[in-house]
Amino acid sequence: MTKRRKQAGTHCGFGPTASGIDRKLLWSLLGARPVPGSEVSCRVEGRQTRFGIDIAELAILAERRRIPAYRLSPRNQSAAAPGIVYAHAHGHRYDIGKEEAIGGRPSLLEPPPGIALARAGFVVICPDLPGFGERQLPQSEDARAKAACWKGGTLLGDMLVDLLAAFEALSMDPLVRNSRISSFGMSMGGTLAYWLAALEPRIAAAAHYCVLAGIESLIDGGAHDLHAPYLTVPGLLRHGDMGDVAALVAPRPQLVCAGATDPLTPPDALNPALETLRAKYSAVGAADCLEVYVAGESGHAETIEMRARLAGFLRAVAS
């Protein structure tokens, strides 16, 4: 893996962006706004030690919303550690939500990423996103997406606002190095991981599996209909595409993993997004801060090589 420079005073820092879209436009298209950090609080509702790590059951409170979450940390942690905002996947398994971090799902390797990352020395926070886990009721995903659109918003925006609240909760934790909090996820969680980093410059880096693709190309081939309603941002294609959103992460480190046979990231949709991303990182002098891995015989699933790359990537960011 290419060696990365540390963020402070180097190309991988929080420099300016030059994308055709910007954060202000994205928030406008999402029809959402982040909750100020001063209005986010967090309480511990339970603790357990399993899988060789400490697990805290959290309630994140933001604008009268209770967001259930898990915080996974190294056992008997005593020093500040790097953090990870973990966005869970979709998979039409509305019952899983934050349980993915410790229980996994069929598309992920064992041990589940949340456990592996906590064992590796990271503090991981994984919330139930709207419509999943403890938040399945009272509305389905379809109902939530429709209601959000009627109110001038988006379900994706609602999810990102809640992930930002989780980020604020993690950044307030005295045992977390708040300058070294990254985002990670697979599939829906991967989309949320790079959108979160695009919208929040305090995110140190973004890593995502099995999701980056140009929506315009997916529409041309009909594959956009494989995505659930959450992934609908009215008007985005008038200004750019998903590659442009991911490019807002530059010049911060970004890991993109995909499967060559994944129907959600076919070559004619993945390659244009990667071209946009590579061009942006090169333009800001940070080509070595972008890592791309495409598994030749893999579909919509984590591979051993992806897991190894994720571990190396996050270790480099944390150093």
Protein backbone atom coordinates (compact mmCIF):
# COMPACT_ATOMS: atom_id res chain seq x y z
CA MET A 1 0.00 0.00 0.00
CA THR A 2 1.22 3.49 -0.80
CA LYS A 3 2.60 5.24 2.23
CA ARG A 4 0.58 8.28 3.23
CA ARG A 5 1.76 11.54 4.61
CA LYS A 6 0.39 12.65 7.95
CA GLN A 7 -2.40 15.18 7.74
CA ALA A 8 -0.81 18.11 9.53
CA GLY A 9 0.84 20.44 7.04
CA THR A 10 0.64 18.04 4.09
CA HIS A 11 -1.48 17.33 1.05
CA CYS A 12 -3.73 15.02 3.07
CA GLY A 13 -4.94 17.87 5.29
CA PHE A 14 -8.19 19.80 5.16
CA GLY A 15 -7.44 21.92 2.11
CA PRO A 16 -9.86 23.66 -0.29
CA THR A 17 -11.96 21.72 -2.75
CA ALA A 18 -12.58 22.43 -6.44
CA SER A 19 -15.56 20.20 -7.24
CA GLY A 20 -18.45 21.40 -9.38
CA ILE A 21 -20.63 20.96 -6.29
CA ASP A 22 -19.96 22.09 -2.73
CA ARG A 23 -21.16 21.33 0.78
CA LYS A 24 -23.68 24.17 0.84
CA LEU A 25 -25.33 22.89 -2.34
CA LEU A 26 -25.42 19.32 -1.02
CA TRP A 27 -27.16 20.36 2.19
CA SER A 28 -29.65 22.33 0.10
CA LEU A 29 -30.38 19.35 -2.16
CA LEU A 30 -30.72 17.07 0.87
CA GLY A 31 -33.19 19.52 2.41
CA ALA A 32 -31.49 19.04 5.76
CA ARG A 33 -29.23 20.81 8.21
CA PRO A 34 -26.83 19.40 10.78
CA VAL A 35 -27.66 19.63 14.46
CA PRO A 36 -25.15 21.95 16.18
CA GLY A 37 -22.71 20.02 18.33
CA SER A 38 -23.77 22.05 21.34
CA GLU A 39 -27.26 20.55 21.01
CA VAL A 40 -26.09 16.92 20.92
CA SER A 41 -25.82 14.89 24.11
CA CYS A 42 -25.24 11.26 24.87
CA ARG A 43 -25.99 8.91 27.74
CA VAL A 44 -24.88 5.37 28.43
CA GLU A 45 -27.84 3.02 28.96
CA GLY A 46 -25.92 -0.22 29.34
CA ARG A 47 -22.50 -1.81 29.24
CA GLN A 48 -21.22 -5.25 28.38
CA THR A 49 -17.93 -6.95 27.63
CA ARG A 50 -18.02 -9.44 24.78
CA PHE A 51 -15.77 -10.56 21.94
CA GLY A 52 -12.79 -9.18 23.85
CA ILE A 53 -14.01 -5.58 23.63
CA ASP A 54 -16.12 -3.17 25.68
CA ILE A 55 -19.57 -2.39 24.30
CA ALA A 56 -21.61 0.58 25.50
CA GLU A 57 -25.29 0.91 24.63
CA LEU A 58 -25.86 4.60 23.95
CA ALA A 59 -28.75 6.98 23.48
CA ILE A 60 -27.67 9.95 21.38
CA LEU A 61 -30.04 12.87 21.89
CA ALA A 62 -30.38 15.47 19.14
CA GLU A 63 -33.36 17.80 18.60
CA ARG A 64 -35.65 15.64 20.71
CA ARG A 65 -34.66 12.52 18.79
CA ARG A 66 -33.27 9.48 20.56
CA ILE A 67 -30.75 7.67 18.37
CA PRO A 68 -29.76 4.24 19.73
CA ALA A 69 -26.13 3.36 19.08
CA TYR A 70 -23.33 1.02 20.04
CA ARG A 71 -19.92 2.30 21.05
CA LEU A 72 -17.27 -0.38 20.72
CA SER A 73 -13.88 0.21 22.28
CA PRO A 74 -10.70 -1.66 23.21
CA ARG A 75 -11.08 -3.54 26.46
CA ASN A 76 -10.11 -1.52 29.54
CA GLN A 77 -9.13 1.43 27.36
CA SER A 78 -7.19 4.09 29.28
CA ALA A 79 -5.72 6.35 26.59
CA ALA A 80 -7.33 8.37 23.80
CA ALA A 81 -7.75 6.34 20.60
CA PRO A 82 -8.73 7.13 17.00
CA GLY A 83 -12.46 6.93 16.28
CA ILE A 84 -14.68 5.58 13.52
CA VAL A 85 -18.24 6.51 12.62
CA TYR A 86 -19.59 3.21 11.28
CA ALA A 87 -22.66 3.44 9.03
CA HIS A 88 -24.50 0.14 8.70
CA ALA A 89 -25.71 -1.32 5.41
CA HIS A 90 -29.25 -1.81 4.10
CA GLY A 91 -29.70 -5.24 2.47
CA HIS A 92 -33.47 -5.01 3.10
CA ARG A 93 -32.69 -6.24 6.61
CA TYR A 94 -34.39 -3.54 8.63
CA ASP A 95 -33.94 -5.63 11.75
CA ILE A 96 -30.13 -5.43 11.75
CA GLY A 97 -29.14 -1.76 11.97
CA LYS A 98 -26.39 -1.16 14.53
CA GLU A 99 -26.24 -4.91 15.28
CA GLU A 100 -24.16 -5.20 12.10
CA ALA A 101 -21.18 -3.79 14.00
CA ILE A 102 -21.07 -6.78 16.36
CA GLY A 103 -23.25 -9.38 14.63
CA GLY A 104 -22.22 -8.83 11.02
CA ARG A 105 -24.29 -9.79 7.98
CA PRO A 106 -23.84 -12.35 5.14
CA SER A 107 -21.92 -9.91 2.92
CA LEU A 108 -19.28 -9.23 5.59
CA LEU A 109 -16.40 -11.36 6.82
CA GLU A 110 -15.93 -12.68 10.35
CA PRO A 111 -15.27 -11.19 12.78
CA PRO A 112 -17.63 -8.32 11.92
CA PRO A 113 -15.79 -5.06 11.12
CA GLY A 114 -16.91 -3.31 14.31
CA ILE A 115 -15.37 -6.01 16.49
CA ALA A 116 -12.20 -6.19 14.38
CA LEU A 117 -11.73 -2.41 14.48
CA ALA A 118 -12.25 -2.17 18.24
CA ARG A 119 -9.77 -5.01 18.79
CA ALA A 120 -7.33 -3.06 16.59
CA GLY A 121 -7.51 -0.07 18.94
CA PHE A 122 -10.30 2.09 17.49
CA VAL A 123 -13.37 3.48 19.24
CA VAL A 124 -16.31 2.73 16.94
CA ILE A 125 -19.78 4.27 17.08
CA CYS A 126 -22.60 2.70 15.06
CA PRO A 127 -26.12 4.15 15.34
CA ASP A 128 -29.45 2.72 14.22
CA LEU A 129 -30.35 4.82 11.18
CA PRO A 130 -33.98 5.88 10.56
CA GLY A 131 -36.07 2.80 9.76
CA PHE A 132 -33.57 0.24 11.07
CA GLY A 133 -32.97 -1.69 14.27
CA GLU A 134 -34.80 -0.10 17.19
CA ARG A 135 -36.08 2.57 14.80
CA GLN A 136 -38.04 0.34 12.40
CA LEU A 137 -41.35 1.68 13.67
CA PRO A 138 -43.61 3.55 13.27
CA GLN A 139 -42.86 4.06 9.55
CA SER A 140 -41.39 1.94 6.78
CA GLU A 141 -38.52 3.16 4.63
CA ASP A 142 -40.96 3.98 1.81
CA ALA A 143 -43.16 5.98 4.14
CA ARG A 144 -40.19 7.85 5.60
CA ALA A 145 -38.78 8.68 2.15
CA LYS A 146 -42.14 9.94 0.91
CA ALA A 147 -42.78 12.01 4.03
CA ALA A 148 -39.32 13.56 3.80
CA CYS A 149 -39.88 14.55 0.15
CA TRP A 150 -43.26 16.08 0.92
CA LYS A 151 -41.57 18.20 3.57
CA GLY A 152 -38.80 19.31 1.22
CA GLY A 153 -36.20 16.91 2.56
CA THR A 154 -34.76 13.47 1.85
CA LEU A 155 -34.34 10.27 3.82
CA LEU A 156 -30.63 10.32 2.94
CA GLY A 157 -30.46 13.76 4.55
CA ASP A 158 -32.17 12.47 7.69
CA MET A 159 -29.67 9.63 7.91
CA LEU A 160 -26.69 11.95 7.47
CA VAL A 161 -27.96 14.34 10.13
CA ASP A 162 -28.15 11.42 12.57
CA LEU A 163 -24.67 10.21 11.61
CA LEU A 164 -23.35 13.70 12.23
CA ALA A 165 -24.95 13.59 15.67
CA ALA A 166 -23.09 10.30 16.24
CA PHE A 167 -19.89 11.99 15.09
CA GLU A 168 -20.48 14.83 17.57
CA ALA A 169 -21.08 12.31 20.37
CA LEU A 170 -17.86 10.49 19.50
CA SER A 171 -15.85 13.70 19.25
CA MET A 172 -16.95 14.69 22.77
CA ASP A 173 -15.67 11.42 24.24
CA PRO A 174 -12.46 12.12 26.22
CA LEU A 175 -11.11 8.71 25.21
CA VAL A 176 -11.31 9.57 21.50
CA ARG A 177 -8.76 11.54 19.51
CA ASN A 178 -11.24 13.86 17.84
CA SER A 179 -8.75 14.88 15.15
CA ARG A 180 -8.57 11.26 14.01
CA ILE A 181 -12.20 10.24 13.47
CA SER A 182 -12.85 8.47 10.17
CA SER A 183 -16.03 7.19 8.51
CA PHE A 184 -16.64 3.68 7.22
CA GLY A 185 -19.42 1.56 5.77
CA MET A 186 -20.47 -0.93 3.12
CA SER A 187 -23.20 -0.55 0.51
CA MET A 188 -25.71 1.97 1.94
CA GLY A 189 -23.24 2.48 4.77
CA GLY A 190 -20.52 3.17 2.20
CA THR A 191 -22.61 5.86 0.53
CA LEU A 192 -23.21 7.43 3.92
CA ALA A 193 -19.50 7.17 4.79
CA TYR A 194 -18.30 9.26 1.87
CA TRP A 195 -21.25 11.66 1.98
CA LEU A 196 -20.58 12.21 5.68
CA ALA A 197 -16.92 13.00 5.01
CA ALA A 198 -17.87 15.21 2.07
CA LEU A 199 -20.21 17.25 4.27
CA GLU A 200 -18.10 17.36 7.44
CA PRO A 201 -14.48 18.53 7.02
CA ARG A 202 -13.60 17.35 10.54
CA ILE A 203 -13.86 13.74 9.35
CA ALA A 204 -10.22 12.69 8.96
CA ALA A 205 -10.75 10.07 6.24
CA ALA A 206 -13.41 7.95 4.54
CA ALA A 207 -13.42 4.25 3.68
CA HIS A 208 -16.20 2.50 1.80
CA TYR A 209 -17.03 -0.83 0.19
CA CYS A 210 -19.21 -1.82 -2.76
CA VAL A 211 -21.09 1.37 -3.54
CA LEU A 212 -19.32 4.09 -5.55
CA ALA A 213 -21.00 4.49 -8.93
CA GLY A 214 -22.30 7.24 -11.18
CA ILE A 215 -26.07 7.46 -10.82
CA GLU A 216 -26.46 8.80 -14.39
CA SER A 217 -24.84 5.65 -15.73
CA LEU A 218 -26.91 3.44 -13.42
CA ILE A 219 -30.08 5.10 -14.71
CA ASP A 220 -29.00 4.54 -18.32
CA GLY A 221 -28.67 0.82 -17.61
CA GLY A 222 -31.64 0.54 -15.24
CA ALA A 223 -29.46 -0.51 -12.29
CA HIS A 224 -30.48 2.55 -10.25
CA ASP A 225 -33.65 0.64 -9.38
CA LEU A 226 -31.55 -1.83 -7.39
CA HIS A 227 -31.11 0.91 -4.79
CA ALA A 228 -33.73 1.47 -2.11
CA PRO A 229 -35.69 4.74 -1.75
CA TYR A 230 -33.21 6.25 0.72
CA LEU A 231 -30.79 6.86 -2.18
CA THR A 232 -32.76 9.58 -3.96
CA VAL A 233 -31.51 13.17 -3.98
CA PRO A 234 -33.74 15.31 -6.21
CA GLY A 235 -31.75 17.54 -8.55
CA LEU A 236 -28.27 16.18 -7.78
CA LEU A 237 -27.63 15.20 -11.41
CA ARG A 238 -28.17 18.79 -12.53
CA HIS A 239 -24.95 19.69 -10.73
CA GLY A 240 -22.80 16.55 -10.67
CA ASP A 241 -22.81 12.90 -9.67
CA MET A 242 -21.59 10.63 -6.92
CA GLY A 243 -17.98 10.92 -8.03
CA ASP A 244 -18.23 14.67 -7.45
CA VAL A 245 -19.62 14.09 -3.96
CA ALA A 246 -16.81 11.69 -3.07
CA ALA A 247 -14.34 14.20 -4.53
CA LEU A 248 -15.29 16.66 -1.78
CA VAL A 249 -13.41 14.37 0.61
CA ALA A 250 -10.15 15.34 -1.12
CA PRO A 251 -7.43 15.96 -0.12
CA ARG A 252 -8.18 13.82 2.93
CA PRO A 253 -7.43 10.09 2.65
CA GLN A 254 -10.09 7.93 1.00
CA LEU A 255 -10.29 4.18 0.43
CA VAL A 256 -12.61 2.88 -2.29
CA CYS A 257 -13.22 -0.86 -2.55
CA ALA A 258 -15.50 -2.48 -5.11
CA GLY A 259 -16.28 -5.85 -6.62
CA ALA A 260 -15.87 -6.15 -10.39
CA THR A 261 -19.07 -8.21 -10.69
CA ASP A 262 -21.17 -6.16 -8.26
CA PRO A 263 -24.45 -5.18 -10.02
CA LEU A 264 -24.55 -1.99 -7.94
CA THR A 265 -21.16 -0.85 -9.26
CA PRO A 266 -20.95 -2.05 -12.88
CA PRO A 267 -17.83 -0.89 -14.75
CA ASP A 268 -19.70 1.69 -16.84
CA ALA A 269 -20.85 3.37 -13.61
CA LEU A 270 -17.83 2.71 -11.37
CA ASN A 271 -15.14 3.83 -13.82
CA PRO A 272 -16.48 7.36 -14.52
CA ALA A 273 -16.86 7.95 -10.77
CA LEU A 274 -13.29 6.78 -10.18
CA GLU A 275 -12.05 8.97 -13.02
CA THR A 276 -13.66 12.02 -11.39
CA LEU A 277 -12.22 11.05 -8.02
CA ARG A 278 -8.70 10.45 -9.32
CA ALA A 279 -8.73 13.72 -11.26
CA LYS A 280 -9.70 15.65 -8.15
CA TYR A 281 -7.04 14.08 -5.94
CA SER A 282 -4.40 14.69 -8.61
CA ALA A 283 -5.53 18.30 -9.07
CA VAL A 284 -5.00 19.07 -5.38
CA GLY A 285 -1.68 17.22 -5.22
CA ALA A 286 -3.01 14.38 -3.11
CA ALA A 287 -3.00 11.42 -5.50
CA ASP A 288 -1.26 9.31 -2.85
CA CYS A 289 -4.15 9.94 -0.44
CA LEU A 290 -6.59 7.99 -2.64
CA GLU A 291 -6.54 4.20 -2.57
CA VAL A 292 -8.69 2.14 -4.92
CA TYR A 293 -9.10 -1.62 -4.93
CA VAL A 294 -11.39 -3.56 -7.28
CA ALA A 295 -11.75 -7.27 -6.54
CA GLY A 296 -11.74 -9.02 -9.91
CA GLU A 297 -14.02 -11.97 -9.13
CA SER A 298 -16.08 -10.49 -6.30
CA GLY A 299 -19.60 -9.13 -6.22
CA HIS A 300 -21.43 -7.23 -3.49
CA ALA A 301 -19.39 -8.58 -0.59
CA GLU A 302 -16.35 -7.88 1.53
CA THR A 303 -13.24 -9.84 0.58
CA ILE A 304 -10.15 -10.78 2.57
CA GLU A 305 -8.13 -8.24 0.60
CA MET A 306 -10.67 -5.49 1.30
CA ARG A 307 -10.45 -6.21 5.03
CA ALA A 308 -6.65 -6.09 4.88
CA ARG A 309 -6.68 -2.82 2.98
CA LEU A 310 -9.17 -1.29 5.39
CA ALA A 311 -6.97 -2.18 8.35
CA GLY A 312 -3.85 -0.74 6.73
CA PHE A 313 -5.64 2.38 5.56
CA LEU A 314 -7.09 3.21 8.95
CA ARG A 315 -3.79 2.50 10.73
CA ALA A 316 -2.07 4.99 8.42
CA VAL A 317 -4.74 7.63 9.04
CA ALA A 318 -4.48 7.13 12.81
CA SER A 319 -0.69 7.48 12.90
